[in-house]
Amino acid sequence: MSLLKVEDLRVAFPGRGLRAKPVEVLHGVSLEVGAGETLGLVGESGSGKTTIGRAVLGLVRPSQGEIAFDGRDIARLRPRERRPLAKDIQVVFQDPYTSLNPSLTIGDILAEPLVVQGATARSARARVLKLLDQVGLPSDAAERLPREFSGGQRQRVASARAMAPAPKLIVCDEPVSALDLSTQEKVLDLFIDIQRSTGVAYLFISHDLSVVRHISHRVAVLYRGDLVETGPAAMVTSEPSHPYTQRLLLAAPVADPVLQRERREERRRLGAAA
């Protein structure tokens, strides 16, 4: 059985103006994430991929469809009913700095969700030190503030915070797009290591096919609110069948300037033919 199953998900936002009709941004999307699996959800800005993540997190209310987590429909739970799910569903946002309270030490940031769930101060402290070690940060990081860390280190802290309650699923919303390429690779490898050691599943949202290729087992491609292609990561990111996915692949930068120029020309040709 799938850990997360999204069926015919539709989301509409109010239009501008008093008489404007609602604008539907997701048009019946269906996808699944298995336990311990990474599903890469890829598409350009405005495709609706972040809206899917927000719907799974309960931050957006669907206008139609179901979101089943561990066999239970969670699409329309009230805030009080949804609160216990925080232990099992966590999130890592794009900007690691704005998602961390700048006035709290890293130790307090990591301990907070544990204390809320009833952990003692001693057990929370022990868990925090273990988490810091798991994400490759020294134990004295617990006494420091977020501003004392680099972007890559702050994303490690954000990952540790998401892992604190030992969730079953983490929604990763563009978690490496604000980082330089070398730091991106290190953080992606960290996500992979965490998954191997804990069995957590990821819904990994990105606009970059090369990023989702690195981390995903399967890839789903979203275009203007519709799912246009899905399949094993190796196949979708190397031999895509849909023209839009082909354009995404050609948009990914490569080190060879000649090949890069050829890819740009091919992308223009595909765009003109679409």
C-alpha atoms as a PDB file:
ATOM      1  CA  MET A   1       0.000   0.000   0.000  1.00  0.00           C
ATOM      2  CA  SER A   2       1.219   3.504  -0.840  1.00  0.00           C
ATOM      3  CA  LEU A   3       2.235   5.764   2.017  1.00  0.00           C
ATOM      4  CA  LEU A   4       0.822   8.804   0.184  1.00  0.00           C
ATOM      5  CA  LYS A   5      -1.832   8.571  -2.503  1.00  0.00           C
ATOM      6  CA  VAL A   6      -3.218  11.641  -4.263  1.00  0.00           C
ATOM      7  CA  GLU A   7      -6.318  11.025  -6.390  1.00  0.00           C
ATOM      8  CA  ASP A   8      -7.869  13.486  -8.867  1.00  0.00           C
ATOM      9  CA  LEU A   9      -6.582  16.497  -6.913  1.00  0.00           C
ATOM     10  CA  ARG A  10      -8.023  19.829  -7.974  1.00  0.00           C
ATOM     11  CA  VAL A  11      -7.210  23.155  -6.374  1.00  0.00           C
ATOM     12  CA  ALA A  12      -8.768  26.504  -7.282  1.00  0.00           C
ATOM     13  CA  PHE A  13      -7.915  29.972  -5.987  1.00  0.00           C
ATOM     14  CA  PRO A  14     -10.242  32.997  -5.980  1.00  0.00           C
ATOM     15  CA  GLY A  15      -9.992  35.158  -9.066  1.00  0.00           C
ATOM     16  CA  ARG A  16      -9.236  38.851  -8.964  1.00  0.00           C
ATOM     17  CA  GLY A  17     -12.231  41.150  -8.683  1.00  0.00           C
ATOM     18  CA  LEU A  18     -15.633  40.699  -7.036  1.00  0.00           C
ATOM     19  CA  ARG A  19     -17.198  38.793  -9.926  1.00  0.00           C
ATOM     20  CA  ALA A  20     -14.139  36.909 -11.118  1.00  0.00           C
ATOM     21  CA  LYS A  21     -14.424  33.142 -11.341  1.00  0.00           C
ATOM     22  CA  PRO A  22     -12.068  30.918  -9.341  1.00  0.00           C
ATOM     23  CA  VAL A  23      -8.841  29.985 -11.135  1.00  0.00           C
ATOM     24  CA  GLU A  24      -8.109  26.262 -11.118  1.00  0.00           C
ATOM     25  CA  VAL A  25      -4.366  25.601 -10.819  1.00  0.00           C
ATOM     26  CA  LEU A  26      -4.477  21.792 -10.506  1.00  0.00           C
ATOM     27  CA  HIS A  27      -6.656  19.845 -12.919  1.00  0.00           C
ATOM     28  CA  GLY A  28      -7.125  16.393 -11.445  1.00  0.00           C
ATOM     29  CA  VAL A  29      -3.607  15.275 -10.499  1.00  0.00           C
ATOM     30  CA  SER A  30      -3.020  11.714  -9.239  1.00  0.00           C
ATOM     31  CA  LEU A  31       0.260  10.390  -7.840  1.00  0.00           C
ATOM     32  CA  GLU A  32       1.662   8.008  -5.227  1.00  0.00           C
ATOM     33  CA  VAL A  33       4.658   7.847  -2.916  1.00  0.00           C
ATOM     34  CA  GLY A  34       5.640   4.522  -1.387  1.00  0.00           C
ATOM     35  CA  ALA A  35       7.201   4.025   2.032  1.00  0.00           C
ATOM     36  CA  GLY A  36      10.920   4.811   1.874  1.00  0.00           C
ATOM     37  CA  GLU A  37      10.616   6.115  -1.701  1.00  0.00           C
ATOM     38  CA  THR A  38      11.488   9.460  -3.245  1.00  0.00           C
ATOM     39  CA  LEU A  39       9.083  10.836  -5.831  1.00  0.00           C
ATOM     40  CA  GLY A  40      10.560  13.802  -7.669  1.00  0.00           C
ATOM     41  CA  LEU A  41       7.867  16.297  -8.670  1.00  0.00           C
ATOM     42  CA  VAL A  42       9.267  18.577 -11.357  1.00  0.00           C
ATOM     43  CA  GLY A  43       7.944  21.491 -13.361  1.00  0.00           C
ATOM     44  CA  GLU A  44       8.572  25.145 -14.097  1.00  0.00           C
ATOM     45  CA  SER A  45       7.332  28.019 -11.916  1.00  0.00           C
ATOM     46  CA  GLY A  46       3.548  28.201 -11.987  1.00  0.00           C
ATOM     47  CA  SER A  47       3.094  24.539 -12.895  1.00  0.00           C
ATOM     48  CA  GLY A  48       1.351  23.785  -9.584  1.00  0.00           C
ATOM     49  CA  LYS A  49       3.997  21.569  -8.001  1.00  0.00           C
ATOM     50  CA  THR A  50       4.307  23.618  -4.802  1.00  0.00           C
ATOM     51  CA  THR A  51       0.506  23.713  -4.544  1.00  0.00           C
ATOM     52  CA  ILE A  52       0.516  19.909  -4.416  1.00  0.00           C
ATOM     53  CA  GLY A  53       3.038  19.993  -1.576  1.00  0.00           C
ATOM     54  CA  ARG A  54       1.004  22.591   0.298  1.00  0.00           C
ATOM     55  CA  ALA A  55      -2.148  20.519  -0.140  1.00  0.00           C
ATOM     56  CA  VAL A  56      -0.389  17.474   1.331  1.00  0.00           C
ATOM     57  CA  LEU A  57       0.747  19.639   4.269  1.00  0.00           C
ATOM     58  CA  GLY A  58      -2.787  20.956   4.832  1.00  0.00           C
ATOM     59  CA  LEU A  59      -1.857  24.536   3.866  1.00  0.00           C
ATOM     60  CA  VAL A  60      -4.151  24.510   0.822  1.00  0.00           C
ATOM     61  CA  ARG A  61      -7.688  23.113   0.766  1.00  0.00           C
ATOM     62  CA  PRO A  62      -8.533  21.027  -2.334  1.00  0.00           C
ATOM     63  CA  SER A  63     -11.665  21.829  -4.280  1.00  0.00           C
ATOM     64  CA  GLN A  64     -11.917  18.181  -5.334  1.00  0.00           C
ATOM     65  CA  GLY A  65     -10.080  14.887  -4.899  1.00  0.00           C
ATOM     66  CA  GLU A  66      -8.513  12.874  -2.106  1.00  0.00           C
ATOM     67  CA  ILE A  67      -5.165  12.875  -0.316  1.00  0.00           C
ATOM     68  CA  ALA A  68      -4.685   9.595   1.543  1.00  0.00           C
ATOM     69  CA  PHE A  69      -1.827   9.191   4.005  1.00  0.00           C
ATOM     70  CA  ASP A  70      -1.308   5.729   5.482  1.00  0.00           C
ATOM     71  CA  GLY A  71      -4.758   4.798   4.179  1.00  0.00           C
ATOM     72  CA  ARG A  72      -6.560   7.772   5.754  1.00  0.00           C
ATOM     73  CA  ASP A  73      -8.035  10.676   3.777  1.00  0.00           C
ATOM     74  CA  ILE A  74      -6.421  13.846   5.159  1.00  0.00           C
ATOM     75  CA  ALA A  75      -7.482  16.335   2.484  1.00  0.00           C
ATOM     76  CA  ARG A  76     -10.103  18.153   4.558  1.00  0.00           C
ATOM     77  CA  LEU A  77      -9.100  17.617   8.163  1.00  0.00           C
ATOM     78  CA  ARG A  78      -9.672  20.461  10.591  1.00  0.00           C
ATOM     79  CA  PRO A  79      -6.561  22.007  12.177  1.00  0.00           C
ATOM     80  CA  ARG A  80      -7.135  20.200  15.478  1.00  0.00           C
ATOM     81  CA  GLU A  81      -7.576  16.869  13.675  1.00  0.00           C
ATOM     82  CA  ARG A  82      -4.482  17.455  11.593  1.00  0.00           C
ATOM     83  CA  ARG A  83      -2.142  18.405  14.447  1.00  0.00           C
ATOM     84  CA  PRO A  84      -1.194  14.799  15.343  1.00  0.00           C
ATOM     85  CA  LEU A  85      -0.062  14.290  11.722  1.00  0.00           C
ATOM     86  CA  ALA A  86       2.856  16.679  12.286  1.00  0.00           C
ATOM     87  CA  LYS A  87       4.807  13.782  13.762  1.00  0.00           C
ATOM     88  CA  ASP A  88       4.510  11.802  10.533  1.00  0.00           C
ATOM     89  CA  ILE A  89       4.573  14.532   7.863  1.00  0.00           C
ATOM     90  CA  GLN A  90       7.298  17.177   7.942  1.00  0.00           C
ATOM     91  CA  VAL A  91       8.601  19.782   5.493  1.00  0.00           C
ATOM     92  CA  VAL A  92      11.898  21.314   4.389  1.00  0.00           C
ATOM     93  CA  PHE A  93      11.437  24.701   2.694  1.00  0.00           C
ATOM     94  CA  GLN A  94      13.479  26.411  -0.004  1.00  0.00           C
ATOM     95  CA  ASP A  95      14.995  29.165   2.154  1.00  0.00           C
ATOM     96  CA  PRO A  96      16.744  27.616   5.165  1.00  0.00           C
ATOM     97  CA  TYR A  97      17.254  30.962   6.891  1.00  0.00           C
ATOM     98  CA  THR A  98      13.705  32.345   6.912  1.00  0.00           C
ATOM     99  CA  SER A  99      12.369  28.949   8.035  1.00  0.00           C
ATOM    100  CA  LEU A 100      14.547  29.042  11.192  1.00  0.00           C
ATOM    101  CA  ASN A 101      13.750  31.311  14.149  1.00  0.00           C
ATOM    102  CA  PRO A 102      16.721  33.740  14.227  1.00  0.00           C
ATOM    103  CA  SER A 103      16.365  34.386  17.972  1.00  0.00           C
ATOM    104  CA  LEU A 104      16.617  30.727  19.042  1.00  0.00           C
ATOM    105  CA  THR A 105      19.730  28.591  19.249  1.00  0.00           C
ATOM    106  CA  ILE A 106      19.931  25.573  16.985  1.00  0.00           C
ATOM    107  CA  GLY A 107      19.474  23.335  20.024  1.00  0.00           C
ATOM    108  CA  ASP A 108      16.222  25.060  20.957  1.00  0.00           C
ATOM    109  CA  ILE A 109      14.985  24.947  17.350  1.00  0.00           C
ATOM    110  CA  LEU A 110      15.536  21.195  17.172  1.00  0.00           C
ATOM    111  CA  ALA A 111      14.227  20.475  20.667  1.00  0.00           C
ATOM    112  CA  GLU A 112      11.006  22.476  20.286  1.00  0.00           C
ATOM    113  CA  PRO A 113       8.974  19.885  18.296  1.00  0.00           C
ATOM    114  CA  LEU A 114      10.185  17.131  20.613  1.00  0.00           C
ATOM    115  CA  VAL A 115       9.126  18.981  23.767  1.00  0.00           C
ATOM    116  CA  VAL A 116       5.724  19.770  22.201  1.00  0.00           C
ATOM    117  CA  GLN A 117       5.246  16.031  21.704  1.00  0.00           C
ATOM    118  CA  GLY A 118       5.993  15.350  25.378  1.00  0.00           C
ATOM    119  CA  ALA A 119       9.730  14.613  25.454  1.00  0.00           C
ATOM    120  CA  THR A 120      11.663  15.531  28.588  1.00  0.00           C
ATOM    121  CA  ALA A 121      14.395  18.161  28.391  1.00  0.00           C
ATOM    122  CA  ARG A 122      17.028  15.461  28.880  1.00  0.00           C
ATOM    123  CA  SER A 123      15.719  13.144  26.170  1.00  0.00           C
ATOM    124  CA  ALA A 124      15.224  16.084  23.785  1.00  0.00           C
ATOM    125  CA  ARG A 125      18.836  17.152  24.348  1.00  0.00           C
ATOM    126  CA  ALA A 126      20.093  13.659  23.595  1.00  0.00           C
ATOM    127  CA  ARG A 127      17.983  13.514  20.435  1.00  0.00           C
ATOM    128  CA  VAL A 128      19.274  16.937  19.317  1.00  0.00           C
ATOM    129  CA  LEU A 129      22.904  15.836  19.635  1.00  0.00           C
ATOM    130  CA  LYS A 130      22.132  12.686  17.652  1.00  0.00           C
ATOM    131  CA  LEU A 131      20.415  14.713  14.922  1.00  0.00           C
ATOM    132  CA  LEU A 132      23.334  17.119  14.632  1.00  0.00           C
ATOM    133  CA  ASP A 133      25.697  14.196  14.213  1.00  0.00           C
ATOM    134  CA  GLN A 134      23.359  12.635  11.639  1.00  0.00           C
ATOM    135  CA  VAL A 135      23.426  15.745   9.448  1.00  0.00           C
ATOM    136  CA  GLY A 136      27.177  16.264   9.813  1.00  0.00           C
ATOM    137  CA  LEU A 137      27.253  19.216  12.225  1.00  0.00           C
ATOM    138  CA  PRO A 138      29.352  19.398  15.427  1.00  0.00           C
ATOM    139  CA  SER A 139      27.667  19.121  18.832  1.00  0.00           C
ATOM    140  CA  ASP A 140      28.559  22.741  19.713  1.00  0.00           C
ATOM    141  CA  ALA A 141      26.243  23.850  16.882  1.00  0.00           C
ATOM    142  CA  ALA A 142      23.407  23.440  19.396  1.00  0.00           C
ATOM    143  CA  GLU A 143      24.574  26.583  21.220  1.00  0.00           C
ATOM    144  CA  ARG A 144      24.837  28.761  18.105  1.00  0.00           C
ATOM    145  CA  LEU A 145      22.297  30.906  16.234  1.00  0.00           C
ATOM    146  CA  PRO A 146      21.166  30.330  12.614  1.00  0.00           C
ATOM    147  CA  ARG A 147      22.999  33.436  11.367  1.00  0.00           C
ATOM    148  CA  GLU A 148      26.322  31.858  12.343  1.00  0.00           C
ATOM    149  CA  PHE A 149      25.968  29.169   9.663  1.00  0.00           C
ATOM    150  CA  SER A 150      26.337  29.082   5.887  1.00  0.00           C
ATOM    151  CA  GLY A 151      23.386  28.382   3.599  1.00  0.00           C
ATOM    152  CA  GLY A 152      24.312  24.713   3.242  1.00  0.00           C
ATOM    153  CA  GLN A 153      24.736  24.325   6.997  1.00  0.00           C
ATOM    154  CA  ARG A 154      21.373  25.985   7.645  1.00  0.00           C
ATOM    155  CA  GLN A 155      19.741  23.550   5.243  1.00  0.00           C
ATOM    156  CA  ARG A 156      21.310  20.737   7.273  1.00  0.00           C
ATOM    157  CA  VAL A 157      19.729  22.252  10.375  1.00  0.00           C
ATOM    158  CA  ALA A 158      16.366  22.454   8.588  1.00  0.00           C
ATOM    159  CA  SER A 159      16.741  18.787   7.605  1.00  0.00           C
ATOM    160  CA  ALA A 160      17.556  17.854  11.212  1.00  0.00           C
ATOM    161  CA  ARG A 161      14.466  19.716  12.423  1.00  0.00           C
ATOM    162  CA  ALA A 162      12.298  17.835   9.937  1.00  0.00           C
ATOM    163  CA  MET A 163      13.810  14.542  11.111  1.00  0.00           C
ATOM    164  CA  ALA A 164      13.375  15.331  14.836  1.00  0.00           C
ATOM    165  CA  PRO A 165       9.964  13.640  15.285  1.00  0.00           C
ATOM    166  CA  ALA A 166      11.012  10.645  13.096  1.00  0.00           C
ATOM    167  CA  PRO A 167       8.438  11.279  10.321  1.00  0.00           C
ATOM    168  CA  LYS A 168       7.321   8.855   7.636  1.00  0.00           C
ATOM    169  CA  LEU A 169       7.190  11.519   4.904  1.00  0.00           C
ATOM    170  CA  ILE A 170       9.038  14.792   4.293  1.00  0.00           C
ATOM    171  CA  VAL A 171       7.811  17.277   1.698  1.00  0.00           C
ATOM    172  CA  CYS A 172      10.942  18.925   0.275  1.00  0.00           C
ATOM    173  CA  ASP A 173       9.974  22.162  -1.491  1.00  0.00           C
ATOM    174  CA  GLU A 174      12.925  23.285  -3.666  1.00  0.00           C
ATOM    175  CA  PRO A 175      15.311  22.582  -0.750  1.00  0.00           C
ATOM    176  CA  VAL A 176      18.537  23.109  -2.714  1.00  0.00           C
ATOM    177  CA  SER A 177      17.608  25.759  -5.293  1.00  0.00           C
ATOM    178  CA  ALA A 178      19.080  28.582  -3.166  1.00  0.00           C
ATOM    179  CA  LEU A 179      22.449  26.804  -2.822  1.00  0.00           C
ATOM    180  CA  ASP A 180      25.505  26.768  -5.085  1.00  0.00           C
ATOM    181  CA  LEU A 181      26.131  23.621  -7.137  1.00  0.00           C
ATOM    182  CA  SER A 182      28.772  22.043  -4.886  1.00  0.00           C
ATOM    183  CA  THR A 183      26.636  22.620  -1.782  1.00  0.00           C
ATOM    184  CA  GLN A 184      23.582  21.282  -3.606  1.00  0.00           C
ATOM    185  CA  GLU A 185      25.311  17.961  -4.175  1.00  0.00           C
ATOM    186  CA  LYS A 186      26.353  17.666  -0.531  1.00  0.00           C
ATOM    187  CA  VAL A 187      22.829  18.403   0.727  1.00  0.00           C
ATOM    188  CA  LEU A 188      21.282  15.958  -1.760  1.00  0.00           C
ATOM    189  CA  ASP A 189      23.713  13.263  -0.598  1.00  0.00           C
ATOM    190  CA  LEU A 190      22.671  14.076   2.971  1.00  0.00           C
ATOM    191  CA  PHE A 191      18.996  13.494   2.080  1.00  0.00           C
ATOM    192  CA  ILE A 192      19.928  10.163   0.514  1.00  0.00           C
ATOM    193  CA  ASP A 193      21.960   9.093   3.565  1.00  0.00           C
ATOM    194  CA  ILE A 194      19.093  10.042   5.901  1.00  0.00           C
ATOM    195  CA  GLN A 195      16.646   8.029   3.819  1.00  0.00           C
ATOM    196  CA  ARG A 196      18.889   4.974   3.836  1.00  0.00           C
ATOM    197  CA  SER A 197      19.306   5.088   7.618  1.00  0.00           C
ATOM    198  CA  THR A 198      15.693   5.941   8.558  1.00  0.00           C
ATOM    199  CA  GLY A 199      13.458   4.746   5.712  1.00  0.00           C
ATOM    200  CA  VAL A 200      11.734   8.140   5.415  1.00  0.00           C
ATOM    201  CA  ALA A 201       9.911   8.927   2.159  1.00  0.00           C
ATOM    202  CA  TYR A 202      10.307  12.190   0.231  1.00  0.00           C
ATOM    203  CA  LEU A 203       7.991  14.162  -2.001  1.00  0.00           C
ATOM    204  CA  PHE A 204      10.823  16.143  -3.595  1.00  0.00           C
ATOM    205  CA  ILE A 205       9.688  19.278  -5.438  1.00  0.00           C
ATOM    206  CA  SER A 206      12.059  20.934  -7.918  1.00  0.00           C
ATOM    207  CA  HIS A 207      12.209  22.748 -11.244  1.00  0.00           C
ATOM    208  CA  ASP A 208      15.507  21.042 -12.120  1.00  0.00           C
ATOM    209  CA  LEU A 209      15.529  17.603 -13.760  1.00  0.00           C
ATOM    210  CA  SER A 210      19.212  17.108 -12.936  1.00  0.00           C
ATOM    211  CA  VAL A 211      18.437  17.538  -9.226  1.00  0.00           C
ATOM    212  CA  VAL A 212      15.534  15.095  -9.180  1.00  0.00           C
ATOM    213  CA  ARG A 213      17.607  12.615 -11.209  1.00  0.00           C
ATOM    214  CA  HIS A 214      20.201  12.613  -8.416  1.00  0.00           C
ATOM    215  CA  ILE A 215      17.795  11.818  -5.590  1.00  0.00           C
ATOM    216  CA  SER A 216      14.559  10.307  -6.952  1.00  0.00           C
ATOM    217  CA  HIS A 217      13.377   6.758  -7.506  1.00  0.00           C
ATOM    218  CA  ARG A 218      10.498   7.940  -9.696  1.00  0.00           C
ATOM    219  CA  VAL A 219       9.723  11.280 -11.334  1.00  0.00           C
ATOM    220  CA  ALA A 220       6.386  12.974 -12.046  1.00  0.00           C
ATOM    221  CA  VAL A 221       6.335  15.928 -14.461  1.00  0.00           C
ATOM    222  CA  LEU A 222       3.759  18.679 -13.993  1.00  0.00           C
ATOM    223  CA  TYR A 223       2.837  21.142 -16.735  1.00  0.00           C
ATOM    224  CA  ARG A 224       0.278  23.900 -16.159  1.00  0.00           C
ATOM    225  CA  GLY A 225      -1.580  21.931 -13.511  1.00  0.00           C
ATOM    226  CA  ASP A 226      -1.583  18.596 -15.349  1.00  0.00           C
ATOM    227  CA  LEU A 227       0.593  15.543 -14.817  1.00  0.00           C
ATOM    228  CA  VAL A 228       2.071  14.873 -18.250  1.00  0.00           C
ATOM    229  CA  GLU A 229       4.634  12.151 -17.586  1.00  0.00           C
ATOM    230  CA  THR A 230       5.661   9.801 -14.788  1.00  0.00           C
ATOM    231  CA  GLY A 231       8.033   6.877 -14.527  1.00  0.00           C
ATOM    232  CA  PRO A 232      11.389   5.647 -13.220  1.00  0.00           C
ATOM    233  CA  ALA A 233      13.825   8.516 -12.664  1.00  0.00           C
ATOM    234  CA  ALA A 234      16.496   7.093 -14.977  1.00  0.00           C
ATOM    235  CA  MET A 235      14.039   6.849 -17.869  1.00  0.00           C
ATOM    236  CA  VAL A 236      12.180  10.161 -17.441  1.00  0.00           C
ATOM    237  CA  THR A 237      15.382  12.176 -16.941  1.00  0.00           C
ATOM    238  CA  SER A 238      17.315  10.637 -19.845  1.00  0.00           C
ATOM    239  CA  GLU A 239      14.738   9.579 -22.459  1.00  0.00           C
ATOM    240  CA  PRO A 240      11.544  11.531 -21.740  1.00  0.00           C
ATOM    241  CA  SER A 241       8.537  10.901 -23.974  1.00  0.00           C
ATOM    242  CA  HIS A 242       6.582  14.123 -23.486  1.00  0.00           C
ATOM    243  CA  PRO A 243       7.744  17.241 -25.400  1.00  0.00           C
ATOM    244  CA  TYR A 244       7.538  19.387 -22.262  1.00  0.00           C
ATOM    245  CA  THR A 245       9.809  17.005 -20.330  1.00  0.00           C
ATOM    246  CA  GLN A 246      12.187  17.015 -23.295  1.00  0.00           C
ATOM    247  CA  ARG A 247      12.356  20.815 -23.090  1.00  0.00           C
ATOM    248  CA  LEU A 248      13.026  20.643 -19.344  1.00  0.00           C
ATOM    249  CA  LEU A 249      15.869  18.216 -19.973  1.00  0.00           C
ATOM    250  CA  LEU A 250      17.393  20.440 -22.632  1.00  0.00           C
ATOM    251  CA  ALA A 251      17.133  23.435 -20.265  1.00  0.00           C
ATOM    252  CA  ALA A 252      19.458  21.790 -17.736  1.00  0.00           C
ATOM    253  CA  PRO A 253      22.953  23.334 -18.050  1.00  0.00           C
ATOM    254  CA  VAL A 254      25.953  21.242 -19.109  1.00  0.00           C
ATOM    255  CA  ALA A 255      29.679  22.020 -18.857  1.00  0.00           C
ATOM    256  CA  ASP A 256      30.391  21.656 -22.597  1.00  0.00           C
ATOM    257  CA  PRO A 257      29.622  25.031 -24.324  1.00  0.00           C
ATOM    258  CA  VAL A 258      29.186  23.407 -27.744  1.00  0.00           C
ATOM    259  CA  LEU A 259      26.754  20.842 -26.405  1.00  0.00           C
ATOM    260  CA  GLN A 260      24.982  23.565 -24.425  1.00  0.00           C
ATOM    261  CA  ARG A 261      24.474  25.601 -27.606  1.00  0.00           C
ATOM    262  CA  GLU A 262      23.120  22.544 -29.426  1.00  0.00           C
ATOM    263  CA  ARG A 263      20.718  21.860 -26.553  1.00  0.00           C
ATOM    264  CA  ARG A 264      19.441  25.442 -26.650  1.00  0.00           C
ATOM    265  CA  GLU A 265      18.794  25.194 -30.378  1.00  0.00           C
ATOM    266  CA  GLU A 266      16.980  21.897 -29.908  1.00  0.00           C
ATOM    267  CA  ARG A 267      14.903  23.391 -27.109  1.00  0.00           C
ATOM    268  CA  ARG A 268      13.878  26.289 -29.360  1.00  0.00           C
ATOM    269  CA  ARG A 269      12.876  23.816 -32.063  1.00  0.00           C
ATOM    270  CA  LEU A 270      10.746  21.830 -29.634  1.00  0.00           C
ATOM    271  CA  GLY A 271       9.198  25.016 -28.297  1.00  0.00           C
ATOM    272  CA  ALA A 272       8.260  26.169 -31.781  1.00  0.00           C
ATOM    273  CA  ALA A 273       6.731  22.788 -32.599  1.00  0.00           C
ATOM    274  CA  ALA A 274       4.658  22.648 -29.370  1.00  0.00           C
END
